[in-house]
PDB file of N, CA and C in Angstrom:
ATOM      1  N   MET A   1      14.641 -10.878  39.849  1.00  0.00           N
ATOM      2  CA  MET A   1      14.782 -12.062  39.373  1.00  0.00           C
ATOM      3  C   MET A   1      13.397 -12.013  38.560  1.00  0.00           C
ATOM      4  N   LEU A   2      13.411 -12.906  38.086  1.00  0.00           N
ATOM      5  CA  LEU A   2      11.754 -13.028  37.630  1.00  0.00           C
ATOM      6  C   LEU A   2      11.028 -13.671  38.150  1.00  0.00           C
ATOM      7  N   LEU A   3       9.570 -13.436  38.053  1.00  0.00           N
ATOM      8  CA  LEU A   3       8.555 -14.442  38.130  1.00  0.00           C
ATOM      9  C   LEU A   3       8.029 -14.719  37.819  1.00  0.00           C
ATOM     10  N   CYS A   4       7.860 -16.814  37.809  1.00  0.00           N
ATOM     11  CA  CYS A   4       7.439 -17.143  36.375  1.00  0.00           C
ATOM     12  C   CYS A   4       6.433 -18.225  37.241  1.00  0.00           C
ATOM     13  N   ARG A   5       4.907 -18.258  36.810  1.00  0.00           N
ATOM     14  CA  ARG A   5       4.093 -19.246  37.962  1.00  0.00           C
ATOM     15  C   ARG A   5       3.556 -20.522  36.681  1.00  0.00           C
ATOM     16  N   ARG A   6       3.895 -21.322  37.385  1.00  0.00           N
ATOM     17  CA  ARG A   6       4.062 -23.099  36.836  1.00  0.00           C
ATOM     18  C   ARG A   6       3.120 -23.374  37.465  1.00  0.00           C
ATOM     19  N   LYS A   7       2.130 -24.625  37.857  1.00  0.00           N
ATOM     20  CA  LYS A   7       1.182 -25.354  38.269  1.00  0.00           C
ATOM     21  C   LYS A   7       1.040 -24.541  39.553  1.00  0.00           C
ATOM     22  N   ASN A   8       0.288 -23.316  39.299  1.00  0.00           N
ATOM     23  CA  ASN A   8      -0.315 -22.424  40.466  1.00  0.00           C
ATOM     24  C   ASN A   8       1.240 -22.460  41.584  1.00  0.00           C
ATOM     25  N   LYS A   9       2.198 -22.234  41.216  1.00  0.00           N
ATOM     26  CA  LYS A   9       2.988 -22.442  42.269  1.00  0.00           C
ATOM     27  C   LYS A   9       4.191 -21.019  41.927  1.00  0.00           C
ATOM     28  N   LEU A  10       4.428 -20.209  42.871  1.00  0.00           N
ATOM     29  CA  LEU A  10       5.566 -19.123  42.166  1.00  0.00           C
ATOM     30  C   LEU A  10       6.986 -20.024  41.981  1.00  0.00           C
ATOM     31  N   GLU A  11       7.386 -19.715  41.443  1.00  0.00           N
ATOM     32  CA  GLU A  11       8.995 -19.905  41.146  1.00  0.00           C
ATOM     33  C   GLU A  11       9.480 -18.580  40.636  1.00  0.00           C
ATOM     34  N   PHE A  12      10.414 -18.230  41.903  1.00  0.00           N
ATOM     35  CA  PHE A  12      11.275 -17.215  41.035  1.00  0.00           C
ATOM     36  C   PHE A  12      12.912 -17.742  40.646  1.00  0.00           C
ATOM     37  N   GLY A  13      13.456 -17.391  40.010  1.00  0.00           N
ATOM     38  CA  GLY A  13      14.945 -17.088  39.482  1.00  0.00           C
ATOM     39  C   GLY A  13      15.363 -17.351  38.052  1.00  0.00           C
ATOM     40  N   PHE A  14      16.815 -17.548  37.884  1.00  0.00           N
ATOM     41  CA  PHE A  14      17.261 -17.264  36.330  1.00  0.00           C
ATOM     42  C   PHE A  14      16.903 -17.859  34.961  1.00  0.00           C
ATOM     43  N   SER A  15      16.689 -17.571  34.238  1.00  0.00           N
ATOM     44  CA  SER A  15      16.030 -18.637  33.459  1.00  0.00           C
ATOM     45  C   SER A  15      17.491 -19.134  32.758  1.00  0.00           C
ATOM     46  N   LEU A  16      17.575 -20.373  31.685  1.00  0.00           N
ATOM     47  CA  LEU A  16      19.132 -20.827  31.253  1.00  0.00           C
ATOM     48  C   LEU A  16      19.089 -19.555  30.058  1.00  0.00           C
ATOM     49  N   ILE A  17      18.470 -18.677  29.466  1.00  0.00           N
ATOM     50  CA  ILE A  17      18.547 -18.263  28.612  1.00  0.00           C
ATOM     51  C   ILE A  17      19.397 -16.746  29.776  1.00  0.00           C
ATOM     52  N   GLU A  18      18.879 -16.566  30.356  1.00  0.00           N
ATOM     53  CA  GLU A  18      19.551 -15.240  30.892  1.00  0.00           C
ATOM     54  C   GLU A  18      20.752 -15.617  31.569  1.00  0.00           C
ATOM     55  N   MET A  19      20.985 -16.745  32.148  1.00  0.00           N
ATOM     56  CA  MET A  19      22.151 -17.102  32.763  1.00  0.00           C
ATOM     57  C   MET A  19      23.383 -17.142  31.284  1.00  0.00           C
ATOM     58  N   ILE A  20      22.658 -17.914  30.221  1.00  0.00           N
ATOM     59  CA  ILE A  20      23.727 -17.998  28.672  1.00  0.00           C
ATOM     60  C   ILE A  20      24.088 -15.786  28.897  1.00  0.00           C
ATOM     61  N   VAL A  21      22.988 -15.443  28.460  1.00  0.00           N
ATOM     62  CA  VAL A  21      23.314 -13.668  28.445  1.00  0.00           C
ATOM     63  C   VAL A  21      24.114 -13.290  29.268  1.00  0.00           C
ATOM     64  N   CYS A  22      23.855 -13.421  30.382  1.00  0.00           N
ATOM     65  CA  CYS A  22      24.605 -12.993  31.534  1.00  0.00           C
ATOM     66  C   CYS A  22      26.445 -13.709  31.007  1.00  0.00           C
ATOM     67  N   LEU A  23      26.726 -14.755  31.386  1.00  0.00           N
ATOM     68  CA  LEU A  23      28.304 -15.610  31.217  1.00  0.00           C
ATOM     69  C   LEU A  23      28.753 -14.673  30.006  1.00  0.00           C
ATOM     70  N   PHE A  24      27.718 -14.518  28.332  1.00  0.00           N
ATOM     71  CA  PHE A  24      28.265 -13.729  27.719  1.00  0.00           C
ATOM     72  C   PHE A  24      28.611 -12.839  27.399  1.00  0.00           C
ATOM     73  N   LEU A  25      28.105 -11.414  27.982  1.00  0.00           N
ATOM     74  CA  LEU A  25      28.399 -10.415  28.754  1.00  0.00           C
ATOM     75  C   LEU A  25      29.342 -10.416  29.476  1.00  0.00           C
ATOM     76  N   LEU A  26      29.704 -11.545  30.491  1.00  0.00           N
ATOM     77  CA  LEU A  26      30.927 -11.401  30.861  1.00  0.00           C
ATOM     78  C   LEU A  26      31.649 -11.957  30.322  1.00  0.00           C
ATOM     79  N   SER A  27      31.881 -12.890  29.573  1.00  0.00           N
ATOM     80  CA  SER A  27      33.116 -13.167  28.973  1.00  0.00           C
ATOM     81  C   SER A  27      33.768 -12.163  28.235  1.00  0.00           C
ATOM     82  N   ILE A  28      32.723 -10.897  27.262  1.00  0.00           N
ATOM     83  CA  ILE A  28      33.242 -10.501  26.845  1.00  0.00           C
ATOM     84  C   ILE A  28      33.463  -9.354  26.995  1.00  0.00           C
ATOM     85  N   PHE A  29      33.106  -8.773  28.748  1.00  0.00           N
ATOM     86  CA  PHE A  29      33.834  -7.855  29.057  1.00  0.00           C
ATOM     87  C   PHE A  29      35.436  -8.488  29.524  1.00  0.00           C
ATOM     88  N   PHE A  30      35.966  -9.337  30.514  1.00  0.00           N
ATOM     89  CA  PHE A  30      36.424 -10.082  30.397  1.00  0.00           C
ATOM     90  C   PHE A  30      37.423 -10.330  29.043  1.00  0.00           C
ATOM     91  N   LEU A  31      37.124 -10.159  28.083  1.00  0.00           N
ATOM     92  CA  LEU A  31      38.304 -10.539  27.272  1.00  0.00           C
ATOM     93  C   LEU A  31      38.554  -9.006  26.631  1.00  0.00           C
ATOM     94  N   LEU A  32      37.311  -8.311  26.403  1.00  0.00           N
ATOM     95  CA  LEU A  32      37.724  -7.193  25.861  1.00  0.00           C
ATOM     96  C   LEU A  32      38.826  -6.206  26.785  1.00  0.00           C
ATOM     97  N   PHE A  33      38.094  -5.852  27.835  1.00  0.00           N
ATOM     98  CA  PHE A  33      39.158  -5.113  29.034  1.00  0.00           C
ATOM     99  C   PHE A  33      40.412  -5.278  28.829  1.00  0.00           C
ATOM    100  N   PRO A  34      41.174  -6.034  28.848  1.00  0.00           N
ATOM    101  CA  PRO A  34      42.483  -5.847  28.836  1.00  0.00           C
ATOM    102  C   PRO A  34      43.179  -4.709  27.252  1.00  0.00           C
ATOM    103  N   ARG A  35      42.252  -4.981  26.078  1.00  0.00           N
ATOM    104  CA  ARG A  35      42.364  -4.577  25.522  1.00  0.00           C
ATOM    105  C   ARG A  35      41.758  -3.006  25.226  1.00  0.00           C
ATOM    106  N   LEU A  36      41.333  -2.214  26.516  1.00  0.00           N
ATOM    107  CA  LEU A  36      40.997  -1.274  26.542  1.00  0.00           C
ATOM    108  C   LEU A  36      42.160  -0.481  27.096  1.00  0.00           C
ATOM    109  N   HIS A  37      43.203   0.080  25.781  1.00  0.00           N
ATOM    110  CA  HIS A  37      44.599   0.747  26.280  1.00  0.00           C
ATOM    111  C   HIS A  37      44.404   2.424  26.365  1.00  0.00           C
ATOM    112  N   PHE A  38      43.129   3.009  26.030  1.00  0.00           N
ATOM    113  CA  PHE A  38      42.768   3.908  26.198  1.00  0.00           C
ATOM    114  C   PHE A  38      41.856   4.626  27.164  1.00  0.00           C
ATOM    115  N   ILE A  39      42.254   4.257  28.304  1.00  0.00           N
ATOM    116  CA  ILE A  39      41.697   3.843  29.889  1.00  0.00           C
ATOM    117  C   ILE A  39      43.404   4.425  30.414  1.00  0.00           C
ATOM    118  N   GLU A  40      44.293   3.730  30.039  1.00  0.00           N
ATOM    119  CA  GLU A  40      45.544   4.021  30.485  1.00  0.00           C
ATOM    120  C   GLU A  40      45.773   4.420  32.450  1.00  0.00           C
ATOM    121  N   MET A  41      44.932   2.745  32.381  1.00  0.00           N
ATOM    122  CA  MET A  41      45.033   2.469  33.647  1.00  0.00           C
ATOM    123  C   MET A  41      46.288   2.284  34.642  1.00  0.00           C
ATOM    124  N   GLU A  42      47.417   1.881  33.824  1.00  0.00           N
ATOM    125  CA  GLU A  42      49.043   1.539  33.905  1.00  0.00           C
ATOM    126  C   GLU A  42      49.991   2.704  33.864  1.00  0.00           C
ATOM    127  N   ASN A  43      50.191   3.002  34.152  1.00  0.00           N
ATOM    128  CA  ASN A  43      51.544   3.973  33.927  1.00  0.00           C
ATOM    129  C   ASN A  43      52.663   3.606  33.533  1.00  0.00           C
ATOM    130  N   LYS A  44      53.290   4.028  32.857  1.00  0.00           N
ATOM    131  CA  LYS A  44      55.117   3.548  32.685  1.00  0.00           C
ATOM    132  C   LYS A  44      56.120   3.061  33.853  1.00  0.00           C
ATOM    133  N   GLN A  45      55.493   4.164  35.069  1.00  0.00           N
ATOM    134  CA  GLN A  45      56.601   3.882  36.586  1.00  0.00           C
ATOM    135  C   GLN A  45      56.240   2.552  36.643  1.00  0.00           C
ATOM    136  N   SER A  46      54.417   2.460  36.306  1.00  0.00           N
ATOM    137  CA  SER A  46      54.446   1.074  37.634  1.00  0.00           C
ATOM    138  C   SER A  46      54.625  -0.047  36.324  1.00  0.00           C
ATOM    139  N   LYS A  47      54.612  -0.057  35.146  1.00  0.00           N
ATOM    140  CA  LYS A  47      54.925  -1.395  34.411  1.00  0.00           C
ATOM    141  C   LYS A  47      56.759  -1.768  34.786  1.00  0.00           C
ATOM    142  N   GLY A  48      57.506  -0.325  34.658  1.00  0.00           N
ATOM    143  CA  GLY A  48      58.835  -0.735  35.182  1.00  0.00           C
ATOM    144  C   GLY A  48      58.695  -1.271  36.856  1.00  0.00           C
ATOM    145  N   LEU A  49      58.046  -1.243  37.616  1.00  0.00           N
ATOM    146  CA  LEU A  49      58.010  -1.502  38.599  1.00  0.00           C
ATOM    147  C   LEU A  49      57.829  -3.416  38.588  1.00  0.00           C
ATOM    148  N   ASN A  50      56.948  -3.737  37.744  1.00  0.00           N
ATOM    149  CA  ASN A  50      56.813  -4.938  37.813  1.00  0.00           C
ATOM    150  C   ASN A  50      57.362  -5.753  37.376  1.00  0.00           C
ATOM    151  N   ASP A  51      58.641  -4.728  36.273  1.00  0.00           N
ATOM    152  CA  ASP A  51      59.605  -5.682  36.053  1.00  0.00           C
ATOM    153  C   ASP A  51      60.780  -6.036  36.384  1.00  0.00           C
ATOM    154  N   TRP A  52      61.104  -4.763  37.493  1.00  0.00           N
ATOM    155  CA  TRP A  52      61.649  -5.233  38.597  1.00  0.00           C
ATOM    156  C   TRP A  52      61.769  -5.662  39.318  1.00  0.00           C
ATOM    157  N   GLU A  53      60.532  -6.493  39.850  1.00  0.00           N
ATOM    158  CA  GLU A  53      59.620  -7.155  40.869  1.00  0.00           C
ATOM    159  C   GLU A  53      60.230  -8.757  40.324  1.00  0.00           C
ATOM    160  N   TRP A  54      59.778  -8.923  38.806  1.00  0.00           N
ATOM    161  CA  TRP A  54      60.426  -9.888  38.469  1.00  0.00           C
ATOM    162  C   TRP A  54      61.550 -10.279  38.300  1.00  0.00           C
ATOM    163  N   ASP A  55      62.260  -9.146  38.317  1.00  0.00           N
ATOM    164  CA  ASP A  55      63.602  -9.543  38.146  1.00  0.00           C
ATOM    165  C   ASP A  55      64.426 -10.126  39.160  1.00  0.00           C
ATOM    166  N   VAL A  56      63.586  -9.668  40.658  1.00  0.00           N
ATOM    167  CA  VAL A  56      63.589 -10.062  41.465  1.00  0.00           C
ATOM    168  C   VAL A  56      63.879 -10.661  41.716  1.00  0.00           C
ATOM    169  N   TYR A  57      62.317 -11.654  41.798  1.00  0.00           N
ATOM    170  CA  TYR A  57      61.877 -13.230  41.995  1.00  0.00           C
ATOM    171  C   TYR A  57      62.836 -14.150  40.799  1.00  0.00           C
ATOM    172  N   LEU A  58      63.295 -13.702  39.730  1.00  0.00           N
ATOM    173  CA  LEU A  58      63.904 -14.807  38.914  1.00  0.00           C
ATOM    174  C   LEU A  58      65.705 -14.551  39.583  1.00  0.00           C
ATOM    175  N   GLY A  59      66.174 -13.941  39.935  1.00  0.00           N
ATOM    176  CA  GLY A  59      67.258 -14.119  40.790  1.00  0.00           C
ATOM    177  C   GLY A  59      67.120 -14.490  42.487  1.00  0.00           C
ATOM    178  N   GLN A  60      66.188 -14.956  42.720  1.00  0.00           N
ATOM    179  CA  GLN A  60      65.904 -15.940  43.990  1.00  0.00           C
ATOM    180  C   GLN A  60      66.192 -17.062  43.443  1.00  0.00           C
ATOM    181  N   ILE A  61      65.954 -17.416  41.771  1.00  0.00           N
ATOM    182  CA  ILE A  61      65.592 -18.720  42.087  1.00  0.00           C
ATOM    183  C   ILE A  61      66.921 -19.093  41.785  1.00  0.00           C
ATOM    184  N   PRO A  62      67.480 -20.934  42.133  1.00  0.00           N
ATOM    185  CA  PRO A  62      68.402 -21.133  41.745  1.00  0.00           C
ATOM    186  C   PRO A  62      69.079 -21.796  40.738  1.00  0.00           C
TER     187      PRO A  62
END
């Protein structure tokens, strides 16, 4: 946190610009993270397992 001096009193906290920059960086991270396929965090077997679980779920709905 940053310290800033106003009216002879110390106040600490985040400024509006810092909060906007932080939210902007977080939003860019969460928008780009699903598109980063070069990391290969999911493999083909887990994807097939998810399809199987989806089929079981749909089979339970009348």
